[in-house]
């Protein structure tokens, strides 16, 4: 993750927080990316299909 973060250091379009999130997602294994995705959905109450449908997702 540190190597990727160093490569993103000079990108002026991303904030520091966005650079950290982007580097973490690129450095993660597929299983870790899936776990991050599930945690994101849970934190926004979008984990179940019915909750996504109620929010407007197809």
C-alpha atoms as a PDB file:
ATOM      1  CA  UNK A   1       0.000   0.000   0.000  1.00  0.00           C
ATOM      2  CA  UNK A   2       2.864   2.364   0.783  1.00  0.00           C
ATOM      3  CA  UNK A   3       4.336   2.003  -2.719  1.00  0.00           C
ATOM      4  CA  UNK A   4       1.006   2.778  -4.350  1.00  0.00           C
ATOM      5  CA  UNK A   5       0.503   5.742  -2.027  1.00  0.00           C
ATOM      6  CA  UNK A   6       3.926   7.107  -3.017  1.00  0.00           C
ATOM      7  CA  UNK A   7       2.961   6.819  -6.683  1.00  0.00           C
ATOM      8  CA  UNK A   8      -0.227   8.788  -6.007  1.00  0.00           C
ATOM      9  CA  UNK A   9       1.628  11.452  -4.029  1.00  0.00           C
ATOM     10  CA  UNK A  10       1.814  13.915  -6.925  1.00  0.00           C
ATOM     11  CA  UNK A  11      -1.776  13.515  -8.089  1.00  0.00           C
ATOM     12  CA  UNK A  12      -3.431  16.861  -7.396  1.00  0.00           C
ATOM     13  CA  UNK A  13      -6.980  15.791  -8.271  1.00  0.00           C
ATOM     14  CA  UNK A  14      -7.355  13.524  -5.219  1.00  0.00           C
ATOM     15  CA  UNK A  15      -7.515  14.549  -1.577  1.00  0.00           C
ATOM     16  CA  UNK A  16      -5.302  12.808   0.969  1.00  0.00           C
ATOM     17  CA  UNK A  17      -8.221  10.682   2.179  1.00  0.00           C
ATOM     18  CA  UNK A  18      -9.075   9.638  -1.378  1.00  0.00           C
ATOM     19  CA  UNK A  19      -5.455   8.695  -2.052  1.00  0.00           C
ATOM     20  CA  UNK A  20      -5.385   6.491   1.045  1.00  0.00           C
ATOM     21  CA  UNK A  21      -8.663   4.765   0.128  1.00  0.00           C
ATOM     22  CA  UNK A  22      -7.537   4.262  -3.472  1.00  0.00           C
ATOM     23  CA  UNK A  23      -4.153   2.842  -2.431  1.00  0.00           C
ATOM     24  CA  UNK A  24      -5.782   0.523   0.093  1.00  0.00           C
ATOM     25  CA  UNK A  25      -8.225  -0.813  -2.479  1.00  0.00           C
ATOM     26  CA  UNK A  26      -5.489  -1.370  -5.083  1.00  0.00           C
ATOM     27  CA  UNK A  27      -3.226  -3.137  -2.600  1.00  0.00           C
ATOM     28  CA  UNK A  28      -5.974  -5.413  -1.260  1.00  0.00           C
ATOM     29  CA  UNK A  29      -6.470  -8.997  -2.338  1.00  0.00           C
ATOM     30  CA  UNK A  30      -9.785  -9.914  -4.015  1.00  0.00           C
ATOM     31  CA  UNK A  31     -11.115 -11.318  -0.731  1.00  0.00           C
ATOM     32  CA  UNK A  32     -10.155  -8.162   1.131  1.00  0.00           C
ATOM     33  CA  UNK A  33     -11.793  -5.992  -1.566  1.00  0.00           C
ATOM     34  CA  UNK A  34     -14.990  -8.029  -1.248  1.00  0.00           C
ATOM     35  CA  UNK A  35     -14.938  -7.610   2.552  1.00  0.00           C
ATOM     36  CA  UNK A  36     -14.432  -3.824   2.152  1.00  0.00           C
ATOM     37  CA  UNK A  37     -17.357  -3.708  -0.281  1.00  0.00           C
ATOM     38  CA  UNK A  38     -19.630  -5.637   2.081  1.00  0.00           C
ATOM     39  CA  UNK A  39     -18.655  -3.413   5.009  1.00  0.00           C
ATOM     40  CA  UNK A  40     -19.460  -0.332   2.918  1.00  0.00           C
ATOM     41  CA  UNK A  41     -22.885  -1.709   2.043  1.00  0.00           C
ATOM     42  CA  UNK A  42     -23.596  -2.616   5.670  1.00  0.00           C
ATOM     43  CA  UNK A  43     -22.572   0.833   6.905  1.00  0.00           C
ATOM     44  CA  UNK A  44     -25.067   2.449   4.521  1.00  0.00           C
ATOM     45  CA  UNK A  45     -27.869  -0.071   5.185  1.00  0.00           C
ATOM     46  CA  UNK A  46     -27.657  -1.349   1.601  1.00  0.00           C
ATOM     47  CA  UNK A  47     -26.524  -4.907   2.306  1.00  0.00           C
ATOM     48  CA  UNK A  48     -29.761  -6.712   1.502  1.00  0.00           C
ATOM     49  CA  UNK A  49     -31.411  -6.691  -1.900  1.00  0.00           C
ATOM     50  CA  UNK A  50     -34.667  -5.383  -0.435  1.00  0.00           C
ATOM     51  CA  UNK A  51     -32.927  -2.405   1.185  1.00  0.00           C
ATOM     52  CA  UNK A  52     -31.138  -1.532  -2.084  1.00  0.00           C
ATOM     53  CA  UNK A  53     -34.436  -1.828  -3.970  1.00  0.00           C
ATOM     54  CA  UNK A  54     -36.194   0.426  -1.440  1.00  0.00           C
ATOM     55  CA  UNK A  55     -33.435   3.004  -1.888  1.00  0.00           C
ATOM     56  CA  UNK A  56     -33.900   2.987  -5.664  1.00  0.00           C
ATOM     57  CA  UNK A  57     -31.295   0.537  -6.944  1.00  0.00           C
ATOM     58  CA  UNK A  58     -32.496  -2.075  -9.409  1.00  0.00           C
END
